Amino acid sequence: MNNNNTFILSIIIPVFNRQKSFNLLLAELSKSIISNKLEQQLEVIVIDDASTKKIIIPSFPCKIILERNQRNYGAPYSREKGLRLSHGKFIHFHDSDDLISKGWISAIINELTMKPDIDLLITGRIDIEHHGKINKYSKFFHRHSHQPKIILTRLSYWNFIGPIGGVTFSRKVLQSIKIRKIASCQDWQMYIDVIKNAKVLSSRPDIKFLFHKTGNDRISHNAHKKILGHLQLAKQTQKDSIFGRNIRLFYLYACKQHIFNQGSEILKFYQNHRVKIIATFLVIAVYSFLPRFNKNQ
């Protein structure tokens, strides 16, 4: 048996009322673990975030831990709890309704074994939408993976890394940050905090997970949480932005569609300051997409 100190990878999966999609994910993980003989290389930590019906774990080929929250605390709390329970040198958080490609686990573990000093590994994804599937990866991160400061500057304005299913962290770098409990944009906030402490970044667009963009219970479909999360993130990023407090106007424009869906006071503010908000957005957007140059080159 593997002792708890030799796992290469811990996969942490928060689950809330998604037993069917969770079963599909575990089936894919199980198949890949058995076919590649990886039973001793990884563990899976499942956090049931107080689902209406308790989450059930089907038969599984490697170490798996199931914990249930007393009430629905949300993904940040569940991820933090999963991290405390985990033992792997590297940590991967995976949403319960997203899947993996056939060679995902073996490719991830091979990359981490070959490069044990990695702090952050970014992979590609396949977006599953109503009209089909689209292959995606972060071209900016891929080009600048050897320049963390440049990546951090861009992250102040855009989450160009994408959903957390395409990200794997070293335990060391995660232990250097606090997982913040904000209404939305939790992944984005985590990337910013991690890259401030990361030294070695790696990009593998060829390794893909399957991202279901159409899930009705995603935070990105909740207008109130989406807007609140952007404003909470703006408070954190304004000190790292050359635009200071104006970055909140930029984030508001980024949430334009959600603002019109939500209405209320924030819609009135948007309508009363529309010109300033749009002008600020355009200025910051142009700045954030200007090419960056490494001073050491």
C-alpha atoms as a PDB file:
ATOM      1  CA  MET A   1       0.000   0.000   0.000  1.00  0.00           C
ATOM      2  CA  ASN A   2       1.053   3.582  -0.591  1.00  0.00           C
ATOM      3  CA  ASN A   3       1.825   5.502   2.568  1.00  0.00           C
ATOM      4  CA  ASN A   4       0.240   8.953   2.733  1.00  0.00           C
ATOM      5  CA  ASN A   5       3.475  10.763   2.006  1.00  0.00           C
ATOM      6  CA  THR A   6       4.241   9.411  -1.469  1.00  0.00           C
ATOM      7  CA  PHE A   7       1.200  10.390  -3.556  1.00  0.00           C
ATOM      8  CA  ILE A   8       2.169  12.496  -6.535  1.00  0.00           C
ATOM      9  CA  LEU A   9      -1.309  13.942  -7.018  1.00  0.00           C
ATOM     10  CA  SER A  10      -4.394  14.635  -4.920  1.00  0.00           C
ATOM     11  CA  ILE A  11      -7.594  15.318  -6.876  1.00  0.00           C
ATOM     12  CA  ILE A  12     -10.126  17.290  -4.818  1.00  0.00           C
ATOM     13  CA  ILE A  13     -13.750  17.246  -5.976  1.00  0.00           C
ATOM     14  CA  PRO A  14     -16.417  19.367  -4.226  1.00  0.00           C
ATOM     15  CA  VAL A  15     -19.894  17.988  -4.990  1.00  0.00           C
ATOM     16  CA  PHE A  16     -23.338  19.479  -4.475  1.00  0.00           C
ATOM     17  CA  ASN A  17     -26.377  17.599  -5.826  1.00  0.00           C
ATOM     18  CA  ARG A  18     -24.575  16.237  -8.894  1.00  0.00           C
ATOM     19  CA  GLN A  19     -24.511  12.516  -8.221  1.00  0.00           C
ATOM     20  CA  LYS A  20     -25.098  11.559 -11.865  1.00  0.00           C
ATOM     21  CA  SER A  21     -22.365  13.743 -13.383  1.00  0.00           C
ATOM     22  CA  PHE A  22     -20.070  12.916 -10.443  1.00  0.00           C
ATOM     23  CA  ASN A  23     -20.505   9.206 -11.225  1.00  0.00           C
ATOM     24  CA  LEU A  24     -19.459   9.851 -14.838  1.00  0.00           C
ATOM     25  CA  LEU A  25     -16.334  11.687 -13.678  1.00  0.00           C
ATOM     26  CA  LEU A  26     -15.370   8.921 -11.243  1.00  0.00           C
ATOM     27  CA  ALA A  27     -15.946   6.306 -13.949  1.00  0.00           C
ATOM     28  CA  GLU A  28     -13.538   8.135 -16.290  1.00  0.00           C
ATOM     29  CA  LEU A  29     -10.971   8.531 -13.507  1.00  0.00           C
ATOM     30  CA  SER A  30     -11.299   4.876 -12.543  1.00  0.00           C
ATOM     31  CA  LYS A  31     -10.878   3.649 -16.105  1.00  0.00           C
ATOM     32  CA  SER A  32      -7.776   5.787 -16.622  1.00  0.00           C
ATOM     33  CA  ILE A  33      -6.212   4.798 -13.286  1.00  0.00           C
ATOM     34  CA  ILE A  34      -6.624   1.076 -13.977  1.00  0.00           C
ATOM     35  CA  SER A  35      -5.472   1.174 -17.611  1.00  0.00           C
ATOM     36  CA  ASN A  36      -2.327   3.148 -16.707  1.00  0.00           C
ATOM     37  CA  LYS A  37      -1.680   1.297 -13.403  1.00  0.00           C
ATOM     38  CA  LEU A  38      -1.688   4.509 -11.368  1.00  0.00           C
ATOM     39  CA  GLU A  39      -3.363   3.160  -8.221  1.00  0.00           C
ATOM     40  CA  GLN A  40      -0.369   4.079  -6.046  1.00  0.00           C
ATOM     41  CA  GLN A  41       0.265   7.495  -7.610  1.00  0.00           C
ATOM     42  CA  LEU A  42      -2.780   9.465  -6.570  1.00  0.00           C
ATOM     43  CA  GLU A  43      -5.682   9.886  -4.179  1.00  0.00           C
ATOM     44  CA  VAL A  44      -9.129  11.416  -4.616  1.00  0.00           C
ATOM     45  CA  ILE A  45     -10.775  13.624  -1.985  1.00  0.00           C
ATOM     46  CA  VAL A  46     -14.550  14.142  -2.332  1.00  0.00           C
ATOM     47  CA  ILE A  47     -16.291  16.883  -0.321  1.00  0.00           C
ATOM     48  CA  ASP A  48     -20.086  16.540  -0.265  1.00  0.00           C
ATOM     49  CA  ASP A  49     -21.190  20.147   0.264  1.00  0.00           C
ATOM     50  CA  ALA A  50     -24.406  19.155   2.122  1.00  0.00           C
ATOM     51  CA  SER A  51     -26.193  17.726  -0.919  1.00  0.00           C
ATOM     52  CA  THR A  52     -29.924  17.117  -0.529  1.00  0.00           C
ATOM     53  CA  LYS A  53     -29.188  13.394  -0.793  1.00  0.00           C
ATOM     54  CA  LYS A  54     -25.854  12.203   0.536  1.00  0.00           C
ATOM     55  CA  ILE A  55     -23.296  11.614  -2.214  1.00  0.00           C
ATOM     56  CA  ILE A  56     -22.480   7.944  -2.701  1.00  0.00           C
ATOM     57  CA  ILE A  57     -19.047   6.716  -3.780  1.00  0.00           C
ATOM     58  CA  PRO A  58     -19.079   3.858  -6.304  1.00  0.00           C
ATOM     59  CA  SER A  59     -16.311   1.241  -6.343  1.00  0.00           C
ATOM     60  CA  PHE A  60     -12.967   2.937  -6.969  1.00  0.00           C
ATOM     61  CA  PRO A  61      -9.463   1.537  -7.646  1.00  0.00           C
ATOM     62  CA  CYS A  62      -7.332   3.881  -5.505  1.00  0.00           C
ATOM     63  CA  LYS A  63      -7.505   5.706  -2.190  1.00  0.00           C
ATOM     64  CA  ILE A  64     -10.618   7.854  -1.971  1.00  0.00           C
ATOM     65  CA  ILE A  65     -11.839   9.966   0.955  1.00  0.00           C
ATOM     66  CA  LEU A  66     -15.433  11.203   1.328  1.00  0.00           C
ATOM     67  CA  GLU A  67     -16.324  14.005   3.766  1.00  0.00           C
ATOM     68  CA  ARG A  68     -19.682  15.732   4.108  1.00  0.00           C
ATOM     69  CA  ASN A  69     -20.171  19.359   5.162  1.00  0.00           C
ATOM     70  CA  GLN A  70     -22.818  20.058   7.789  1.00  0.00           C
ATOM     71  CA  ARG A  71     -24.296  22.748   5.560  1.00  0.00           C
ATOM     72  CA  ASN A  72     -23.754  24.182   2.082  1.00  0.00           C
ATOM     73  CA  TYR A  73     -20.625  26.326   2.445  1.00  0.00           C
ATOM     74  CA  GLY A  74     -19.640  26.623  -1.229  1.00  0.00           C
ATOM     75  CA  ALA A  75     -16.621  25.651  -3.308  1.00  0.00           C
ATOM     76  CA  PRO A  76     -13.879  27.705  -1.538  1.00  0.00           C
ATOM     77  CA  TYR A  77     -14.662  26.139   1.869  1.00  0.00           C
ATOM     78  CA  SER A  78     -14.860  22.647   0.351  1.00  0.00           C
ATOM     79  CA  ARG A  79     -11.598  23.079  -1.546  1.00  0.00           C
ATOM     80  CA  GLU A  80      -9.852  24.283   1.612  1.00  0.00           C
ATOM     81  CA  LYS A  81     -11.219  21.315   3.549  1.00  0.00           C
ATOM     82  CA  GLY A  82     -10.127  18.917   0.809  1.00  0.00           C
ATOM     83  CA  LEU A  83      -6.646  20.439   0.840  1.00  0.00           C
ATOM     84  CA  ARG A  84      -6.356  19.811   4.599  1.00  0.00           C
ATOM     85  CA  LEU A  85      -7.325  16.161   4.104  1.00  0.00           C
ATOM     86  CA  SER A  86      -4.997  15.570   1.140  1.00  0.00           C
ATOM     87  CA  HIS A  87      -1.456  14.166   1.074  1.00  0.00           C
ATOM     88  CA  GLY A  88      -0.228  14.619  -2.510  1.00  0.00           C
ATOM     89  CA  LYS A  89       2.750  16.706  -3.520  1.00  0.00           C
ATOM     90  CA  PHE A  90       0.506  18.310  -6.165  1.00  0.00           C
ATOM     91  CA  ILE A  91      -3.136  19.354  -5.888  1.00  0.00           C
ATOM     92  CA  HIS A  92      -5.816  19.466  -8.572  1.00  0.00           C
ATOM     93  CA  PHE A  93      -9.334  20.816  -7.946  1.00  0.00           C
ATOM     94  CA  HIS A  94     -11.987  19.449 -10.304  1.00  0.00           C
ATOM     95  CA  ASP A  95     -15.644  20.443 -10.650  1.00  0.00           C
ATOM     96  CA  SER A  96     -17.970  17.478 -10.325  1.00  0.00           C
ATOM     97  CA  ASP A  97     -19.757  18.070 -13.650  1.00  0.00           C
ATOM     98  CA  ASP A  98     -16.586  18.299 -15.764  1.00  0.00           C
ATOM     99  CA  LEU A  99     -14.857  15.267 -17.270  1.00  0.00           C
ATOM    100  CA  ILE A 100     -11.354  14.368 -18.441  1.00  0.00           C
ATOM    101  CA  SER A 101      -9.858  13.204 -21.730  1.00  0.00           C
ATOM    102  CA  LYS A 102      -8.631   9.632 -22.156  1.00  0.00           C
ATOM    103  CA  GLY A 103      -4.962  10.239 -21.334  1.00  0.00           C
ATOM    104  CA  TRP A 104      -5.474  13.105 -18.880  1.00  0.00           C
ATOM    105  CA  ILE A 105      -4.259  11.496 -15.632  1.00  0.00           C
ATOM    106  CA  SER A 106      -1.219   9.721 -17.057  1.00  0.00           C
ATOM    107  CA  ALA A 107      -0.117  12.879 -18.914  1.00  0.00           C
ATOM    108  CA  ILE A 108      -0.542  15.057 -15.793  1.00  0.00           C
ATOM    109  CA  ILE A 109       1.386  12.663 -13.564  1.00  0.00           C
ATOM    110  CA  ASN A 110       4.121  12.235 -16.164  1.00  0.00           C
ATOM    111  CA  GLU A 111       4.551  16.036 -16.432  1.00  0.00           C
ATOM    112  CA  LEU A 112       4.711  16.418 -12.631  1.00  0.00           C
ATOM    113  CA  THR A 113       7.177  13.545 -12.325  1.00  0.00           C
ATOM    114  CA  MET A 114       9.449  14.946 -15.031  1.00  0.00           C
ATOM    115  CA  LYS A 115       9.270  18.482 -13.558  1.00  0.00           C
ATOM    116  CA  PRO A 116       8.917  18.079  -9.774  1.00  0.00           C
ATOM    117  CA  ASP A 117       9.650  21.770  -9.104  1.00  0.00           C
ATOM    118  CA  ILE A 118       6.497  23.000 -10.921  1.00  0.00           C
ATOM    119  CA  ASP A 119       4.342  25.398  -8.879  1.00  0.00           C
ATOM    120  CA  LEU A 120       1.559  25.819 -11.438  1.00  0.00           C
ATOM    121  CA  LEU A 121       0.643  23.621 -14.416  1.00  0.00           C
ATOM    122  CA  ILE A 122      -1.897  24.937 -16.938  1.00  0.00           C
ATOM    123  CA  THR A 123      -3.438  22.536 -19.448  1.00  0.00           C
ATOM    124  CA  GLY A 124      -5.942  22.844 -22.298  1.00  0.00           C
ATOM    125  CA  ARG A 125      -9.641  22.074 -22.351  1.00  0.00           C
ATOM    126  CA  ILE A 126     -12.532  21.109 -24.591  1.00  0.00           C
ATOM    127  CA  ASP A 127     -15.521  23.429 -24.121  1.00  0.00           C
ATOM    128  CA  ILE A 128     -18.778  21.507 -24.454  1.00  0.00           C
ATOM    129  CA  GLU A 129     -21.496  23.881 -25.616  1.00  0.00           C
ATOM    130  CA  HIS A 130     -24.988  23.488 -27.082  1.00  0.00           C
ATOM    131  CA  HIS A 131     -23.657  23.691 -30.630  1.00  0.00           C
ATOM    132  CA  GLY A 132     -20.651  21.388 -30.217  1.00  0.00           C
ATOM    133  CA  LYS A 133     -17.128  21.126 -28.825  1.00  0.00           C
ATOM    134  CA  ILE A 134     -14.304  23.686 -29.044  1.00  0.00           C
ATOM    135  CA  ASN A 135     -10.636  23.104 -28.217  1.00  0.00           C
ATOM    136  CA  LYS A 136      -9.130  25.909 -26.131  1.00  0.00           C
ATOM    137  CA  TYR A 137      -5.969  26.799 -24.247  1.00  0.00           C
ATOM    138  CA  SER A 138      -4.387  29.972 -22.851  1.00  0.00           C
ATOM    139  CA  LYS A 139      -2.093  31.208 -25.620  1.00  0.00           C
ATOM    140  CA  PHE A 140      -0.885  34.119 -23.481  1.00  0.00           C
ATOM    141  CA  PHE A 141       0.092  31.837 -20.595  1.00  0.00           C
ATOM    142  CA  HIS A 142       1.749  29.410 -23.013  1.00  0.00           C
ATOM    143  CA  ARG A 143       3.880  32.208 -24.525  1.00  0.00           C
ATOM    144  CA  HIS A 144       4.828  33.732 -21.181  1.00  0.00           C
ATOM    145  CA  SER A 145       4.987  30.743 -18.836  1.00  0.00           C
ATOM    146  CA  HIS A 146       8.626  31.647 -18.047  1.00  0.00           C
ATOM    147  CA  GLN A 147       7.579  35.183 -17.023  1.00  0.00           C
ATOM    148  CA  PRO A 148       5.324  35.077 -13.919  1.00  0.00           C
ATOM    149  CA  LYS A 149       5.367  38.876 -13.447  1.00  0.00           C
ATOM    150  CA  ILE A 150       3.976  39.455 -16.935  1.00  0.00           C
ATOM    151  CA  ILE A 151       1.262  36.860 -16.347  1.00  0.00           C
ATOM    152  CA  LEU A 152       0.377  38.469 -13.006  1.00  0.00           C
ATOM    153  CA  THR A 153       0.010  41.906 -14.637  1.00  0.00           C
ATOM    154  CA  ARG A 154      -2.474  40.562 -17.192  1.00  0.00           C
ATOM    155  CA  LEU A 155      -4.360  38.605 -14.516  1.00  0.00           C
ATOM    156  CA  SER A 156      -5.185  41.859 -12.731  1.00  0.00           C
ATOM    157  CA  TYR A 157      -7.613  42.558 -15.591  1.00  0.00           C
ATOM    158  CA  TRP A 158      -8.564  39.257 -17.254  1.00  0.00           C
ATOM    159  CA  ASN A 159      -8.911  35.654 -16.190  1.00  0.00           C
ATOM    160  CA  PHE A 160      -7.198  34.347 -19.325  1.00  0.00           C
ATOM    161  CA  ILE A 161      -6.240  31.060 -17.611  1.00  0.00           C
ATOM    162  CA  GLY A 162      -9.801  29.746 -17.569  1.00  0.00           C
ATOM    163  CA  PRO A 163     -11.658  27.277 -15.323  1.00  0.00           C
ATOM    164  CA  ILE A 164      -9.895  25.451 -12.524  1.00  0.00           C
ATOM    165  CA  GLY A 165     -10.185  22.013 -14.137  1.00  0.00           C
ATOM    166  CA  GLY A 166      -7.236  23.013 -16.332  1.00  0.00           C
ATOM    167  CA  VAL A 167      -4.980  23.927 -13.400  1.00  0.00           C
ATOM    168  CA  THR A 168      -2.754  21.868 -11.082  1.00  0.00           C
ATOM    169  CA  PHE A 169      -0.875  23.409  -8.137  1.00  0.00           C
ATOM    170  CA  SER A 170       2.064  22.356  -6.019  1.00  0.00           C
ATOM    171  CA  ARG A 171       1.119  21.804  -2.389  1.00  0.00           C
ATOM    172  CA  LYS A 172       3.906  24.196  -1.423  1.00  0.00           C
ATOM    173  CA  VAL A 173       2.466  27.140  -3.368  1.00  0.00           C
ATOM    174  CA  LEU A 174      -1.102  26.502  -2.162  1.00  0.00           C
ATOM    175  CA  GLN A 175       0.073  26.473   1.444  1.00  0.00           C
ATOM    176  CA  SER A 176       1.527  29.944   0.879  1.00  0.00           C
ATOM    177  CA  ILE A 177      -1.912  31.484   0.177  1.00  0.00           C
ATOM    178  CA  LYS A 178      -5.372  31.699   1.680  1.00  0.00           C
ATOM    179  CA  ILE A 179      -8.296  30.332  -0.335  1.00  0.00           C
ATOM    180  CA  ARG A 180     -10.637  33.335  -0.317  1.00  0.00           C
ATOM    181  CA  LYS A 181     -14.381  32.942   0.095  1.00  0.00           C
ATOM    182  CA  ILE A 182     -15.876  35.353  -2.444  1.00  0.00           C
ATOM    183  CA  ALA A 183     -19.210  35.147  -4.270  1.00  0.00           C
ATOM    184  CA  SER A 184     -17.680  34.319  -7.672  1.00  0.00           C
ATOM    185  CA  CYS A 185     -14.313  34.567  -9.457  1.00  0.00           C
ATOM    186  CA  GLN A 186     -12.784  32.277  -6.802  1.00  0.00           C
ATOM    187  CA  ASP A 187     -10.594  30.530  -9.382  1.00  0.00           C
ATOM    188  CA  TRP A 188      -9.363  33.860 -10.747  1.00  0.00           C
ATOM    189  CA  GLN A 189      -8.527  35.120  -7.258  1.00  0.00           C
ATOM    190  CA  MET A 190      -6.633  31.901  -6.499  1.00  0.00           C
ATOM    191  CA  TYR A 191      -4.538  32.225  -9.671  1.00  0.00           C
ATOM    192  CA  ILE A 192      -3.542  35.786  -8.727  1.00  0.00           C
ATOM    193  CA  ASP A 193      -2.547  34.779  -5.201  1.00  0.00           C
ATOM    194  CA  VAL A 194      -0.658  31.682  -6.362  1.00  0.00           C
ATOM    195  CA  ILE A 195       1.337  33.413  -9.107  1.00  0.00           C
ATOM    196  CA  LYS A 196       2.511  36.035  -6.615  1.00  0.00           C
ATOM    197  CA  ASN A 197       4.283  33.150  -4.845  1.00  0.00           C
ATOM    198  CA  ALA A 198       5.059  30.841  -7.783  1.00  0.00           C
ATOM    199  CA  LYS A 199       8.494  30.430  -9.335  1.00  0.00           C
ATOM    200  CA  VAL A 200       8.072  27.635 -11.896  1.00  0.00           C
ATOM    201  CA  LEU A 201       5.118  27.648 -14.314  1.00  0.00           C
ATOM    202  CA  SER A 202       4.379  25.046 -16.970  1.00  0.00           C
ATOM    203  CA  SER A 203       2.012  24.987 -19.956  1.00  0.00           C
ATOM    204  CA  ARG A 204       0.682  21.808 -21.621  1.00  0.00           C
ATOM    205  CA  PRO A 205      -2.116  22.668 -24.096  1.00  0.00           C
ATOM    206  CA  ASP A 206      -2.164  19.067 -25.360  1.00  0.00           C
ATOM    207  CA  ILE A 207      -3.536  17.743 -22.029  1.00  0.00           C
ATOM    208  CA  LYS A 208      -7.286  18.442 -21.993  1.00  0.00           C
ATOM    209  CA  PHE A 209     -10.219  18.239 -19.624  1.00  0.00           C
ATOM    210  CA  LEU A 210     -13.861  18.529 -20.691  1.00  0.00           C
ATOM    211  CA  PHE A 211     -15.552  21.736 -19.511  1.00  0.00           C
ATOM    212  CA  HIS A 212     -19.371  21.753 -19.524  1.00  0.00           C
ATOM    213  CA  LYS A 213     -20.299  25.403 -20.146  1.00  0.00           C
ATOM    214  CA  THR A 214     -24.026  24.645 -20.246  1.00  0.00           C
ATOM    215  CA  GLY A 215     -24.527  23.604 -16.598  1.00  0.00           C
ATOM    216  CA  ASN A 216     -27.501  25.522 -15.203  1.00  0.00           C
ATOM    217  CA  ASP A 217     -26.160  25.541 -11.626  1.00  0.00           C
ATOM    218  CA  ARG A 218     -22.835  27.181 -12.395  1.00  0.00           C
ATOM    219  CA  ILE A 219     -22.058  30.407 -10.521  1.00  0.00           C
ATOM    220  CA  SER A 220     -21.452  32.085 -13.890  1.00  0.00           C
ATOM    221  CA  HIS A 221     -25.201  31.816 -14.550  1.00  0.00           C
ATOM    222  CA  ASN A 222     -26.120  33.561 -11.280  1.00  0.00           C
ATOM    223  CA  ALA A 223     -26.206  37.292 -12.021  1.00  0.00           C
ATOM    224  CA  HIS A 224     -26.114  38.452  -8.390  1.00  0.00           C
ATOM    225  CA  LYS A 225     -23.149  36.255  -7.417  1.00  0.00           C
ATOM    226  CA  LYS A 226     -21.309  37.083 -10.638  1.00  0.00           C
ATOM    227  CA  ILE A 227     -21.512  40.854 -10.081  1.00  0.00           C
ATOM    228  CA  LEU A 228     -20.748  40.641  -6.355  1.00  0.00           C
ATOM    229  CA  GLY A 229     -17.733  38.398  -6.980  1.00  0.00           C
ATOM    230  CA  HIS A 230     -16.303  40.806  -9.568  1.00  0.00           C
ATOM    231  CA  LEU A 231     -16.661  43.742  -7.170  1.00  0.00           C
ATOM    232  CA  GLN A 232     -15.053  41.758  -4.345  1.00  0.00           C
ATOM    233  CA  LEU A 233     -12.187  40.815  -6.646  1.00  0.00           C
ATOM    234  CA  ALA A 234     -11.834  44.459  -7.750  1.00  0.00           C
ATOM    235  CA  LYS A 235     -11.121  45.462  -4.142  1.00  0.00           C
ATOM    236  CA  GLN A 236      -8.255  42.976  -4.118  1.00  0.00           C
ATOM    237  CA  THR A 237      -6.817  43.819  -7.535  1.00  0.00           C
ATOM    238  CA  GLN A 238      -7.119  47.620  -7.453  1.00  0.00           C
ATOM    239  CA  LYS A 239      -3.884  47.900  -5.451  1.00  0.00           C
ATOM    240  CA  ASP A 240      -2.075  45.906  -8.171  1.00  0.00           C
ATOM    241  CA  SER A 241      -3.593  47.920 -11.011  1.00  0.00           C
ATOM    242  CA  ILE A 242      -2.200  51.183 -12.348  1.00  0.00           C
ATOM    243  CA  PHE A 243      -5.853  52.252 -12.685  1.00  0.00           C
ATOM    244  CA  GLY A 244      -6.612  51.884  -8.960  1.00  0.00           C
ATOM    245  CA  ARG A 245     -10.280  52.241  -8.017  1.00  0.00           C
ATOM    246  CA  ASN A 246     -11.290  52.683 -11.670  1.00  0.00           C
ATOM    247  CA  ILE A 247     -10.743  48.970 -12.184  1.00  0.00           C
ATOM    248  CA  ARG A 248     -14.150  48.487 -10.542  1.00  0.00           C
ATOM    249  CA  LEU A 249     -15.732  50.300 -13.504  1.00  0.00           C
ATOM    250  CA  PHE A 250     -13.858  47.967 -15.837  1.00  0.00           C
ATOM    251  CA  TYR A 251     -15.192  44.932 -13.962  1.00  0.00           C
ATOM    252  CA  LEU A 252     -18.719  46.353 -14.047  1.00  0.00           C
ATOM    253  CA  TYR A 253     -18.584  46.618 -17.812  1.00  0.00           C
ATOM    254  CA  ALA A 254     -17.287  43.042 -17.960  1.00  0.00           C
ATOM    255  CA  CYS A 255     -20.501  42.077 -16.083  1.00  0.00           C
ATOM    256  CA  LYS A 256     -22.761  44.189 -18.329  1.00  0.00           C
ATOM    257  CA  GLN A 257     -25.084  41.362 -19.328  1.00  0.00           C
ATOM    258  CA  HIS A 258     -25.415  40.166 -15.742  1.00  0.00           C
ATOM    259  CA  ILE A 259     -26.144  43.721 -14.550  1.00  0.00           C
ATOM    260  CA  PHE A 260     -29.050  44.062 -16.977  1.00  0.00           C
ATOM    261  CA  ASN A 261     -30.358  40.654 -15.890  1.00  0.00           C
ATOM    262  CA  GLN A 262     -30.091  41.580 -12.207  1.00  0.00           C
ATOM    263  CA  GLY A 263     -31.476  45.135 -12.295  1.00  0.00           C
ATOM    264  CA  SER A 264     -31.745  47.018  -8.963  1.00  0.00           C
ATOM    265  CA  GLU A 265     -29.350  49.739  -7.730  1.00  0.00           C
ATOM    266  CA  ILE A 266     -26.325  48.513  -9.627  1.00  0.00           C
ATOM    267  CA  LEU A 267     -28.226  48.832 -12.914  1.00  0.00           C
ATOM    268  CA  LYS A 268     -29.117  52.441 -12.066  1.00  0.00           C
ATOM    269  CA  PHE A 269     -25.472  53.174 -11.300  1.00  0.00           C
ATOM    270  CA  TYR A 270     -24.405  51.592 -14.596  1.00  0.00           C
ATOM    271  CA  GLN A 271     -26.936  53.625 -16.586  1.00  0.00           C
ATOM    272  CA  ASN A 272     -26.007  56.897 -14.835  1.00  0.00           C
ATOM    273  CA  HIS A 273     -22.268  56.382 -15.426  1.00  0.00           C
ATOM    274  CA  ARG A 274     -22.413  54.533 -18.733  1.00  0.00           C
ATOM    275  CA  VAL A 275     -20.007  56.822 -20.632  1.00  0.00           C
ATOM    276  CA  LYS A 276     -17.352  56.777 -17.900  1.00  0.00           C
ATOM    277  CA  ILE A 277     -17.659  53.014 -17.453  1.00  0.00           C
ATOM    278  CA  ILE A 278     -17.327  52.292 -21.174  1.00  0.00           C
ATOM    279  CA  ALA A 279     -14.425  54.741 -21.578  1.00  0.00           C
ATOM    280  CA  THR A 280     -12.597  53.192 -18.605  1.00  0.00           C
ATOM    281  CA  PHE A 281     -13.191  49.734 -19.981  1.00  0.00           C
ATOM    282  CA  LEU A 282     -11.735  50.644 -23.360  1.00  0.00           C
ATOM    283  CA  VAL A 283      -8.627  52.265 -21.843  1.00  0.00           C
ATOM    284  CA  ILE A 284      -7.900  49.326 -19.534  1.00  0.00           C
ATOM    285  CA  ALA A 285      -8.681  46.797 -22.253  1.00  0.00           C
ATOM    286  CA  VAL A 286      -6.182  48.412 -24.620  1.00  0.00           C
ATOM    287  CA  TYR A 287      -3.552  48.593 -21.875  1.00  0.00           C
ATOM    288  CA  SER A 288      -4.049  45.000 -20.737  1.00  0.00           C
ATOM    289  CA  PHE A 289      -3.565  43.652 -24.255  1.00  0.00           C
ATOM    290  CA  LEU A 290      -0.465  45.648 -25.093  1.00  0.00           C
ATOM    291  CA  PRO A 291       2.568  43.388 -25.612  1.00  0.00           C
ATOM    292  CA  ARG A 292       4.738  42.884 -22.536  1.00  0.00           C
ATOM    293  CA  PHE A 293       8.511  42.797 -22.691  1.00  0.00           C
ATOM    294  CA  ASN A 294      10.837  41.141 -20.236  1.00  0.00           C
ATOM    295  CA  LYS A 295      13.356  43.742 -18.993  1.00  0.00           C
ATOM    296  CA  ASN A 296      15.958  41.004 -18.630  1.00  0.00           C
ATOM    297  CA  GLN A 297      15.837  40.113 -22.325  1.00  0.00           C
END
